[in-house]
N, C-alpha and C. Protein backbone atom coordinates (compact mmCIF):
# COMPACT_ATOMS: atom_id res chain seq x y z
N MET A 1 0.84 -1.17 0.00
CA MET A 1 0.00 0.00 0.00
C MET A 1 0.90 1.24 0.00
N LYS A 2 0.64 2.15 -0.90
CA LYS A 2 1.45 3.36 -1.00
C LYS A 2 0.82 4.49 -0.19
N MET A 3 1.64 5.10 0.65
CA MET A 3 1.25 6.26 1.45
C MET A 3 2.34 7.31 1.28
N TRP A 4 2.15 8.44 1.94
CA TRP A 4 3.13 9.52 1.86
C TRP A 4 3.45 10.01 3.27
N ALA A 5 4.66 10.52 3.44
CA ALA A 5 5.07 11.11 4.70
C ALA A 5 5.86 12.37 4.40
N ILE A 6 6.07 13.17 5.43
CA ILE A 6 6.86 14.39 5.30
C ILE A 6 8.16 14.16 6.07
N ALA A 7 9.26 14.15 5.34
CA ALA A 7 10.57 13.87 5.93
C ALA A 7 11.37 15.15 6.10
N TYR A 8 12.21 15.15 7.14
CA TYR A 8 13.18 16.22 7.34
C TYR A 8 14.30 15.95 6.35
N GLN A 9 14.52 16.85 5.41
CA GLN A 9 15.41 16.53 4.29
C GLN A 9 16.87 16.37 4.65
N TYR A 10 17.29 16.82 5.83
CA TYR A 10 18.69 16.71 6.22
C TYR A 10 18.99 15.45 7.02
N ASP A 11 17.97 14.66 7.34
CA ASP A 11 18.16 13.38 8.03
C ASP A 11 17.02 12.46 7.64
N GLU A 12 17.30 11.49 6.81
CA GLU A 12 16.26 10.67 6.19
C GLU A 12 15.47 9.79 7.15
N ASP A 13 15.87 9.72 8.41
CA ASP A 13 15.16 8.88 9.38
C ASP A 13 14.18 9.65 10.25
N TYR A 14 14.01 10.95 10.01
CA TYR A 14 13.11 11.77 10.82
C TYR A 14 11.94 12.27 9.98
N PHE A 15 10.74 12.17 10.56
CA PHE A 15 9.51 12.49 9.85
C PHE A 15 8.61 13.35 10.72
N TRP A 16 7.78 14.18 10.07
CA TRP A 16 6.82 15.01 10.80
C TRP A 16 5.71 14.13 11.35
N ASP A 17 5.45 14.27 12.65
CA ASP A 17 4.40 13.52 13.33
C ASP A 17 3.24 14.46 13.63
N PHE A 18 2.07 14.16 13.09
CA PHE A 18 0.91 15.04 13.23
C PHE A 18 0.29 15.00 14.61
N GLU A 19 0.47 13.92 15.36
CA GLU A 19 -0.04 13.86 16.73
C GLU A 19 0.86 14.64 17.69
N LYS A 20 2.17 14.55 17.49
CA LYS A 20 3.12 15.20 18.40
C LYS A 20 3.47 16.62 17.96
N HIS A 21 3.11 16.98 16.74
CA HIS A 21 3.43 18.29 16.18
C HIS A 21 4.93 18.57 16.25
N ASP A 22 5.69 17.56 15.87
CA ASP A 22 7.15 17.66 15.91
C ASP A 22 7.75 16.58 15.02
N VAL A 23 9.03 16.66 14.82
CA VAL A 23 9.77 15.67 14.05
C VAL A 23 10.13 14.52 14.98
N THR A 24 9.90 13.29 14.53
CA THR A 24 10.24 12.12 15.33
C THR A 24 10.99 11.12 14.48
N TYR A 25 11.71 10.23 15.15
CA TYR A 25 12.51 9.21 14.48
C TYR A 25 11.64 8.04 14.03
N GLY A 26 11.81 7.63 12.79
CA GLY A 26 11.12 6.46 12.26
C GLY A 26 9.70 6.76 11.81
N ILE A 27 9.10 5.77 11.17
CA ILE A 27 7.73 5.92 10.63
C ILE A 27 6.72 5.27 11.57
N GLU A 28 5.65 6.00 11.83
CA GLU A 28 4.51 5.50 12.58
C GLU A 28 3.25 5.90 11.82
N SER A 29 2.12 5.31 12.18
CA SER A 29 0.88 5.59 11.47
C SER A 29 0.48 7.07 11.56
N SER A 30 0.86 7.78 12.62
CA SER A 30 0.51 9.19 12.80
C SER A 30 1.29 10.12 11.87
N GLN A 31 2.15 9.55 11.04
CA GLN A 31 2.94 10.35 10.10
C GLN A 31 2.53 10.12 8.64
N LEU A 32 1.58 9.24 8.41
CA LEU A 32 1.23 8.87 7.04
C LEU A 32 0.08 9.71 6.49
N LEU A 33 0.20 10.02 5.20
CA LEU A 33 -0.81 10.78 4.48
C LEU A 33 -1.23 10.01 3.23
N PRO A 34 -2.45 10.24 2.74
CA PRO A 34 -2.93 9.46 1.60
C PRO A 34 -2.38 9.90 0.23
N THR A 35 -1.96 11.19 0.10
CA THR A 35 -1.52 11.65 -1.22
C THR A 35 -0.29 12.55 -1.14
N LYS A 36 0.46 12.59 -2.22
CA LYS A 36 1.61 13.48 -2.33
C LYS A 36 1.15 14.93 -2.31
N GLU A 37 0.03 15.19 -2.95
CA GLU A 37 -0.49 16.57 -3.01
C GLU A 37 -0.76 17.11 -1.61
N LEU A 38 -1.34 16.29 -0.75
CA LEU A 38 -1.60 16.72 0.62
C LEU A 38 -0.29 16.95 1.37
N ALA A 39 0.67 16.06 1.21
CA ALA A 39 1.97 16.23 1.86
C ALA A 39 2.63 17.53 1.40
N ASP A 40 2.64 17.79 0.11
CA ASP A 40 3.25 19.01 -0.42
C ASP A 40 2.53 20.26 0.06
N GLN A 41 1.20 20.19 0.15
CA GLN A 41 0.44 21.35 0.62
C GLN A 41 0.74 21.65 2.09
N LEU A 42 0.85 20.61 2.92
CA LEU A 42 1.17 20.82 4.33
C LEU A 42 2.58 21.36 4.52
N ILE A 43 3.51 20.91 3.69
CA ILE A 43 4.87 21.47 3.74
C ILE A 43 4.81 22.96 3.44
N LYS A 44 4.08 23.32 2.41
CA LYS A 44 3.95 24.72 2.01
C LYS A 44 3.24 25.57 3.07
N ASP A 45 2.14 25.03 3.64
CA ASP A 45 1.29 25.80 4.55
C ASP A 45 1.80 25.89 5.98
N ILE A 46 2.35 24.79 6.52
CA ILE A 46 2.69 24.82 7.95
C ILE A 46 4.14 24.50 8.27
N LEU A 47 4.90 23.99 7.30
CA LEU A 47 6.28 23.63 7.60
C LEU A 47 7.23 24.56 6.84
N SER A 48 8.28 24.04 6.26
CA SER A 48 9.25 24.89 5.56
C SER A 48 9.96 24.07 4.49
N ASP A 49 10.88 24.71 3.82
CA ASP A 49 11.66 24.05 2.78
C ASP A 49 12.62 23.01 3.35
N ASP A 50 12.69 22.90 4.67
CA ASP A 50 13.52 21.88 5.31
C ASP A 50 12.89 20.49 5.21
N PHE A 51 11.67 20.42 4.68
CA PHE A 51 10.94 19.15 4.62
C PHE A 51 10.62 18.80 3.17
N VAL A 52 10.53 17.49 2.91
CA VAL A 52 10.19 16.99 1.57
C VAL A 52 9.17 15.86 1.70
N SER A 53 8.37 15.68 0.67
CA SER A 53 7.44 14.55 0.66
C SER A 53 8.17 13.30 0.20
N VAL A 54 7.88 12.19 0.84
CA VAL A 54 8.48 10.90 0.47
C VAL A 54 7.37 9.86 0.37
N ASP A 55 7.53 8.95 -0.59
CA ASP A 55 6.55 7.88 -0.70
C ASP A 55 6.97 6.72 0.20
N ILE A 56 5.99 6.16 0.86
CA ILE A 56 6.18 5.04 1.77
C ILE A 56 5.36 3.87 1.25
N ASP A 57 6.03 2.79 0.90
CA ASP A 57 5.34 1.60 0.44
C ASP A 57 5.28 0.62 1.61
N ILE A 58 4.10 0.49 2.21
CA ILE A 58 3.93 -0.39 3.36
C ILE A 58 3.84 -1.82 2.86
N GLU A 59 4.80 -2.64 3.26
CA GLU A 59 4.85 -4.04 2.83
C GLU A 59 4.05 -4.93 3.78
N SER A 60 4.09 -4.62 5.07
CA SER A 60 3.28 -5.37 6.04
C SER A 60 3.02 -4.50 7.26
N TYR A 61 1.92 -4.79 7.94
CA TYR A 61 1.53 -4.06 9.14
C TYR A 61 0.99 -5.08 10.14
N ARG A 62 1.61 -5.14 11.32
CA ARG A 62 1.20 -6.11 12.33
C ARG A 62 0.61 -5.41 13.54
N SER A 63 -0.09 -6.16 14.35
CA SER A 63 -0.66 -5.59 15.57
C SER A 63 0.43 -4.95 16.40
N GLY A 64 0.08 -3.91 17.09
CA GLY A 64 1.07 -3.16 17.85
C GLY A 64 1.71 -2.05 17.03
N GLY A 65 1.30 -1.92 15.76
CA GLY A 65 1.80 -0.84 14.92
C GLY A 65 3.14 -1.09 14.27
N VAL A 66 3.61 -2.33 14.26
CA VAL A 66 4.90 -2.65 13.66
C VAL A 66 4.72 -2.73 12.14
N MET A 67 5.49 -1.90 11.43
CA MET A 67 5.40 -1.84 9.97
C MET A 67 6.71 -2.27 9.32
N SER A 68 6.55 -2.89 8.18
CA SER A 68 7.68 -3.14 7.29
C SER A 68 7.41 -2.27 6.07
N TYR A 69 8.38 -1.44 5.67
CA TYR A 69 8.14 -0.51 4.57
C TYR A 69 9.43 -0.20 3.82
N THR A 70 9.26 0.31 2.62
CA THR A 70 10.36 0.88 1.87
C THR A 70 10.01 2.34 1.59
N MET A 71 11.03 3.14 1.42
CA MET A 71 10.81 4.58 1.24
C MET A 71 11.52 5.05 -0.02
N GLY A 72 10.85 5.92 -0.77
CA GLY A 72 11.45 6.58 -1.91
C GLY A 72 11.33 8.07 -1.73
N ARG A 73 12.16 8.82 -2.40
CA ARG A 73 12.11 10.27 -2.27
C ARG A 73 11.56 10.87 -3.54
N GLU A 74 10.40 11.47 -3.45
CA GLU A 74 9.73 12.06 -4.61
C GLU A 74 9.74 13.58 -4.55
N GLY A 75 9.92 14.13 -3.37
CA GLY A 75 9.76 15.57 -3.16
C GLY A 75 10.88 16.37 -3.67
């Protein structure tokens, strides 16, 4: 399943977390967005050029929120 996240462009392991309103390490469900357009709009409206949209391909999701995923950089 393809989703999108907002990554801190200077460290590929940190992503914007919408529940914490801050950058956090690793991917969690609170960081995923359904479209690139939404990710890009949020970067423009509330964040800065320090962030980029990245595609997240979720390969598996287990109880407890454990995800297996691959990430590409589209932003």
